[in-house]
Amino acid sequence: MVIHIGSLEHGHYVAVLKQSNKWLLYNDDERRTEINIHDPSFLNNGEIITMLYYKRETY
């Protein structure tokens, strides 16, 4: 996921990735922070999920 933090005029993007069955938040200031993706409170400061990317496991 790509998440936008801020307003239409300015802001910052962070990424959330699943690695080894853990959801990790990647930010410029913090390399990795484990989050609970099932708890929507991690989106508590007006963040908006901007893009979702999927990886196909099998063809």
PDB file of N, CA and C in Angstrom:
ATOM      1  N   MET A   1       0.835  -1.168   0.000  1.00  0.00           N
ATOM      2  CA  MET A   1       0.000   0.000   0.000  1.00  0.00           C
ATOM      3  C   MET A   1       0.880   1.230   0.000  1.00  0.00           C
ATOM      4  N   VAL A   2       0.434   2.242  -0.670  1.00  0.00           N
ATOM      5  CA  VAL A   2       1.063   3.552  -0.591  1.00  0.00           C
ATOM      6  C   VAL A   2       0.063   4.464   0.103  1.00  0.00           C
ATOM      7  N   ILE A   3       0.501   5.134   1.143  1.00  0.00           N
ATOM      8  CA  ILE A   3      -0.382   5.963   1.961  1.00  0.00           C
ATOM      9  C   ILE A   3       0.102   7.403   1.904  1.00  0.00           C
ATOM     10  N   HIS A   4      -0.830   8.322   1.658  1.00  0.00           N
ATOM     11  CA  HIS A   4      -0.514   9.755   1.647  1.00  0.00           C
ATOM     12  C   HIS A   4      -0.890  10.352   2.996  1.00  0.00           C
ATOM     13  N   ILE A   5       0.041  11.100   3.572  1.00  0.00           N
ATOM     14  CA  ILE A   5      -0.182  11.808   4.825  1.00  0.00           C
ATOM     15  C   ILE A   5      -0.075  13.292   4.511  1.00  0.00           C
ATOM     16  N   GLY A   6      -1.096  14.054   4.825  1.00  0.00           N
ATOM     17  CA  GLY A   6      -1.048  15.490   4.588  1.00  0.00           C
ATOM     18  C   GLY A   6      -2.283  15.980   3.871  1.00  0.00           C
ATOM     19  N   SER A   7      -2.128  17.101   3.177  1.00  0.00           N
ATOM     20  CA  SER A   7      -3.251  17.716   2.478  1.00  0.00           C
ATOM     21  C   SER A   7      -3.014  17.657   0.969  1.00  0.00           C
ATOM     22  N   LEU A   8      -3.931  18.267   0.218  1.00  0.00           N
ATOM     23  CA  LEU A   8      -3.765  18.304  -1.234  1.00  0.00           C
ATOM     24  C   LEU A   8      -2.590  19.178  -1.647  1.00  0.00           C
ATOM     25  N   GLU A   9      -2.273  20.178  -0.842  1.00  0.00           N
ATOM     26  CA  GLU A   9      -1.192  21.100  -1.179  1.00  0.00           C
ATOM     27  C   GLU A   9       0.192  20.539  -0.870  1.00  0.00           C
ATOM     28  N   HIS A  10       0.295  19.732   0.154  1.00  0.00           N
ATOM     29  CA  HIS A  10       1.592  19.160   0.531  1.00  0.00           C
ATOM     30  C   HIS A  10       1.351  17.884   1.320  1.00  0.00           C
ATOM     31  N   GLY A  11       2.393  17.117   1.509  1.00  0.00           N
ATOM     32  CA  GLY A  11       2.248  15.887   2.265  1.00  0.00           C
ATOM     33  C   GLY A  11       3.455  14.987   2.104  1.00  0.00           C
ATOM     34  N   HIS A  12       3.254  13.753   2.495  1.00  0.00           N
ATOM     35  CA  HIS A  12       4.331  12.776   2.525  1.00  0.00           C
ATOM     36  C   HIS A  12       3.725  11.410   2.223  1.00  0.00           C
ATOM     37  N   TYR A  13       4.471  10.561   1.568  1.00  0.00           N
ATOM     38  CA  TYR A  13       4.024   9.208   1.260  1.00  0.00           C
ATOM     39  C   TYR A  13       4.821   8.204   2.075  1.00  0.00           C
ATOM     40  N   VAL A  14       4.134   7.172   2.554  1.00  0.00           N
ATOM     41  CA  VAL A  14       4.773   6.047   3.227  1.00  0.00           C
ATOM     42  C   VAL A  14       4.265   4.774   2.560  1.00  0.00           C
ATOM     43  N   ALA A  15       4.942   3.665   2.799  1.00  0.00           N
ATOM     44  CA  ALA A  15       4.550   2.384   2.211  1.00  0.00           C
ATOM     45  C   ALA A  15       4.324   1.360   3.309  1.00  0.00           C
ATOM     46  N   VAL A  16       3.361   0.474   3.089  1.00  0.00           N
ATOM     47  CA  VAL A  16       3.097  -0.650   3.979  1.00  0.00           C
ATOM     48  C   VAL A  16       3.261  -1.916   3.151  1.00  0.00           C
ATOM     49  N   LEU A  17       4.143  -2.811   3.607  1.00  0.00           N
ATOM     50  CA  LEU A  17       4.437  -4.049   2.886  1.00  0.00           C
ATOM     51  C   LEU A  17       4.279  -5.241   3.811  1.00  0.00           C
ATOM     52  N   LYS A  18       3.886  -6.368   3.236  1.00  0.00           N
ATOM     53  CA  LYS A  18       3.810  -7.614   3.998  1.00  0.00           C
ATOM     54  C   LYS A  18       5.068  -8.416   3.722  1.00  0.00           C
ATOM     55  N   GLN A  19       5.807  -8.719   4.789  1.00  0.00           N
ATOM     56  CA  GLN A  19       7.026  -9.514   4.677  1.00  0.00           C
ATOM     57  C   GLN A  19       7.045 -10.533   5.804  1.00  0.00           C
ATOM     58  N   SER A  20       7.206 -11.787   5.458  1.00  0.00           N
ATOM     59  CA  SER A  20       7.260 -12.876   6.449  1.00  0.00           C
ATOM     60  C   SER A  20       6.055 -12.846   7.377  1.00  0.00           C
ATOM     61  N   ASN A  21       4.866 -12.674   6.790  1.00  0.00           N
ATOM     62  CA  ASN A  21       3.600 -12.638   7.530  1.00  0.00           C
ATOM     63  C   ASN A  21       3.508 -11.507   8.538  1.00  0.00           C
ATOM     64  N   LYS A  22       4.299 -10.459   8.355  1.00  0.00           N
ATOM     65  CA  LYS A  22       4.215  -9.260   9.189  1.00  0.00           C
ATOM     66  C   LYS A  22       3.978  -8.064   8.280  1.00  0.00           C
ATOM     67  N   TRP A  23       3.161  -7.123   8.737  1.00  0.00           N
ATOM     68  CA  TRP A  23       2.930  -5.887   8.004  1.00  0.00           C
ATOM     69  C   TRP A  23       3.869  -4.830   8.551  1.00  0.00           C
ATOM     70  N   LEU A  24       4.664  -4.232   7.659  1.00  0.00           N
ATOM     71  CA  LEU A  24       5.681  -3.270   8.061  1.00  0.00           C
ATOM     72  C   LEU A  24       5.429  -1.926   7.394  1.00  0.00           C
ATOM     73  N   LEU A  25       5.554  -0.864   8.192  1.00  0.00           N
ATOM     74  CA  LEU A  25       5.417   0.499   7.703  1.00  0.00           C
ATOM     75  C   LEU A  25       6.802   1.048   7.409  1.00  0.00           C
ATOM     76  N   TYR A  26       7.014   1.480   6.171  1.00  0.00           N
ATOM     77  CA  TYR A  26       8.290   2.072   5.762  1.00  0.00           C
ATOM     78  C   TYR A  26       8.096   3.578   5.613  1.00  0.00           C
ATOM     79  N   ASN A  27       8.936   4.322   6.313  1.00  0.00           N
ATOM     80  CA  ASN A  27       8.879   5.770   6.297  1.00  0.00           C
ATOM     81  C   ASN A  27      10.312   6.288   6.190  1.00  0.00           C
ATOM     82  N   ASP A  28      10.480   7.502   5.728  1.00  0.00           N
ATOM     83  CA  ASP A  28      11.826   8.070   5.630  1.00  0.00           C
ATOM     84  C   ASP A  28      12.519   8.120   6.981  1.00  0.00           C
ATOM     85  N   ASP A  29      11.787   8.542   7.996  1.00  0.00           N
ATOM     86  CA  ASP A  29      12.366   8.715   9.326  1.00  0.00           C
ATOM     87  C   ASP A  29      12.577   7.390  10.052  1.00  0.00           C
ATOM     88  N   GLU A  30      11.658   6.453   9.851  1.00  0.00           N
ATOM     89  CA  GLU A  30      11.728   5.152  10.513  1.00  0.00           C
ATOM     90  C   GLU A  30      11.835   4.090   9.432  1.00  0.00           C
ATOM     91  N   ARG A  31      12.850   3.290   9.487  1.00  0.00           N
ATOM     92  CA  ARG A  31      13.048   2.279   8.450  1.00  0.00           C
ATOM     93  C   ARG A  31      11.887   1.295   8.381  1.00  0.00           C
ATOM     94  N   ARG A  32      11.563   0.676   9.521  1.00  0.00           N
ATOM     95  CA  ARG A  32      10.473  -0.305   9.552  1.00  0.00           C
ATOM     96  C   ARG A  32       9.790  -0.253  10.902  1.00  0.00           C
ATOM     97  N   THR A  33       8.484  -0.266  10.882  1.00  0.00           N
ATOM     98  CA  THR A  33       7.697  -0.357  12.095  1.00  0.00           C
ATOM     99  C   THR A  33       6.616  -1.396  11.843  1.00  0.00           C
ATOM    100  N   GLU A  34       6.528  -2.413  12.687  1.00  0.00           N
ATOM    101  CA  GLU A  34       5.485  -3.423  12.518  1.00  0.00           C
ATOM    102  C   GLU A  34       4.150  -2.836  12.950  1.00  0.00           C
ATOM    103  N   ILE A  35       3.108  -3.068  12.136  1.00  0.00           N
ATOM    104  CA  ILE A  35       1.780  -2.557  12.445  1.00  0.00           C
ATOM    105  C   ILE A  35       0.766  -3.689  12.372  1.00  0.00           C
ATOM    106  N   ASN A  36      -0.378  -3.468  12.999  1.00  0.00           N
ATOM    107  CA  ASN A  36      -1.497  -4.399  12.920  1.00  0.00           C
ATOM    108  C   ASN A  36      -2.426  -3.885  11.826  1.00  0.00           C
ATOM    109  N   ILE A  37      -2.400  -4.517  10.682  1.00  0.00           N
ATOM    110  CA  ILE A  37      -3.169  -4.072   9.525  1.00  0.00           C
ATOM    111  C   ILE A  37      -4.674  -4.211   9.762  1.00  0.00           C
ATOM    112  N   HIS A  38      -5.072  -5.066  10.702  1.00  0.00           N
ATOM    113  CA  HIS A  38      -6.491  -5.282  10.990  1.00  0.00           C
ATOM    114  C   HIS A  38      -7.047  -4.246  11.954  1.00  0.00           C
ATOM    115  N   ASP A  39      -6.195  -3.409  12.522  1.00  0.00           N
ATOM    116  CA  ASP A  39      -6.612  -2.341  13.424  1.00  0.00           C
ATOM    117  C   ASP A  39      -6.567  -1.028  12.649  1.00  0.00           C
ATOM    118  N   PRO A  40      -7.731  -0.481  12.284  1.00  0.00           N
ATOM    119  CA  PRO A  40      -7.731   0.720  11.442  1.00  0.00           C
ATOM    120  C   PRO A  40      -7.172   1.966  12.125  1.00  0.00           C
ATOM    121  N   SER A  41      -6.828   1.883  13.396  1.00  0.00           N
ATOM    122  CA  SER A  41      -6.304   3.069  14.081  1.00  0.00           C
ATOM    123  C   SER A  41      -4.920   3.466  13.567  1.00  0.00           C
ATOM    124  N   PHE A  42      -4.254   2.590  12.789  1.00  0.00           N
ATOM    125  CA  PHE A  42      -2.967   3.010  12.235  1.00  0.00           C
ATOM    126  C   PHE A  42      -3.166   4.094  11.165  1.00  0.00           C
ATOM    127  N   LEU A  43      -4.404   4.298  10.735  1.00  0.00           N
ATOM    128  CA  LEU A  43      -4.749   5.401   9.829  1.00  0.00           C
ATOM    129  C   LEU A  43      -5.518   6.457  10.615  1.00  0.00           C
ATOM    130  N   ASN A  44      -4.901   7.032  11.624  1.00  0.00           N
ATOM    131  CA  ASN A  44      -5.645   7.917  12.519  1.00  0.00           C
ATOM    132  C   ASN A  44      -5.311   9.391  12.370  1.00  0.00           C
ATOM    133  N   ASN A  45      -4.473   9.763  11.440  1.00  0.00           N
ATOM    134  CA  ASN A  45      -4.084  11.166  11.302  1.00  0.00           C
ATOM    135  C   ASN A  45      -4.473  11.737   9.946  1.00  0.00           C
ATOM    136  N   GLY A  46      -5.555  11.267   9.383  1.00  0.00           N
ATOM    137  CA  GLY A  46      -5.993  11.778   8.095  1.00  0.00           C
ATOM    138  C   GLY A  46      -5.294  11.152   6.906  1.00  0.00           C
ATOM    139  N   GLU A  47      -4.606  10.031   7.127  1.00  0.00           N
ATOM    140  CA  GLU A  47      -3.930   9.368   6.024  1.00  0.00           C
ATOM    141  C   GLU A  47      -4.956   8.750   5.084  1.00  0.00           C
ATOM    142  N   ILE A  48      -4.595   8.668   3.834  1.00  0.00           N
ATOM    143  CA  ILE A  48      -5.462   8.067   2.826  1.00  0.00           C
ATOM    144  C   ILE A  48      -4.653   7.028   2.064  1.00  0.00           C
ATOM    145  N   ILE A  49      -5.183   5.806   1.980  1.00  0.00           N
ATOM    146  CA  ILE A  49      -4.523   4.785   1.170  1.00  0.00           C
ATOM    147  C   ILE A  49      -4.690   5.199  -0.290  1.00  0.00           C
ATOM    148  N   THR A  50      -3.571   5.454  -0.956  1.00  0.00           N
ATOM    149  CA  THR A  50      -3.574   6.021  -2.294  1.00  0.00           C
ATOM    150  C   THR A  50      -3.489   4.959  -3.381  1.00  0.00           C
ATOM    151  N   MET A  51      -2.645   3.955  -3.185  1.00  0.00           N
ATOM    152  CA  MET A  51      -2.454   2.908  -4.187  1.00  0.00           C
ATOM    153  C   MET A  51      -2.301   1.562  -3.495  1.00  0.00           C
ATOM    154  N   LEU A  52      -2.828   0.536  -4.124  1.00  0.00           N
ATOM    155  CA  LEU A  52      -2.646  -0.839  -3.659  1.00  0.00           C
ATOM    156  C   LEU A  52      -1.932  -1.619  -4.755  1.00  0.00           C
ATOM    157  N   TYR A  53      -0.962  -2.419  -4.356  1.00  0.00           N
ATOM    158  CA  TYR A  53      -0.225  -3.275  -5.292  1.00  0.00           C
ATOM    159  C   TYR A  53      -0.388  -4.721  -4.845  1.00  0.00           C
ATOM    160  N   TYR A  54      -0.568  -5.607  -5.793  1.00  0.00           N
ATOM    161  CA  TYR A  54      -0.707  -7.027  -5.497  1.00  0.00           C
ATOM    162  C   TYR A  54       0.354  -7.811  -6.253  1.00  0.00           C
ATOM    163  N   LYS A  55       0.829  -8.863  -5.623  1.00  0.00           N
ATOM    164  CA  LYS A  55       1.778  -9.755  -6.270  1.00  0.00           C
ATOM    165  C   LYS A  55       1.111 -11.117  -6.415  1.00  0.00           C
ATOM    166  N   ARG A  56       1.047 -11.618  -7.618  1.00  0.00           N
ATOM    167  CA  ARG A  56       0.455 -12.927  -7.863  1.00  0.00           C
ATOM    168  C   ARG A  56       1.448 -13.998  -7.438  1.00  0.00           C
ATOM    169  N   GLU A  57       0.992 -14.935  -6.612  1.00  0.00           N
ATOM    170  CA  GLU A  57       1.861 -16.001  -6.110  1.00  0.00           C
ATOM    171  C   GLU A  57       2.048 -17.116  -7.135  1.00  0.00           C
ATOM    172  N   THR A  58       0.996 -17.454  -7.882  1.00  0.00           N
ATOM    173  CA  THR A  58       1.089 -18.520  -8.881  1.00  0.00           C
ATOM    174  C   THR A  58       0.456 -18.037 -10.179  1.00  0.00           C
ATOM    175  N   TYR A  59       0.798 -18.703 -11.258  1.00  0.00           N
ATOM    176  CA  TYR A  59       0.244 -18.351 -12.566  1.00  0.00           C
ATOM    177  C   TYR A  59      -0.673 -19.424 -13.061  1.00  0.00           C
TER     178      TYR A  59
END
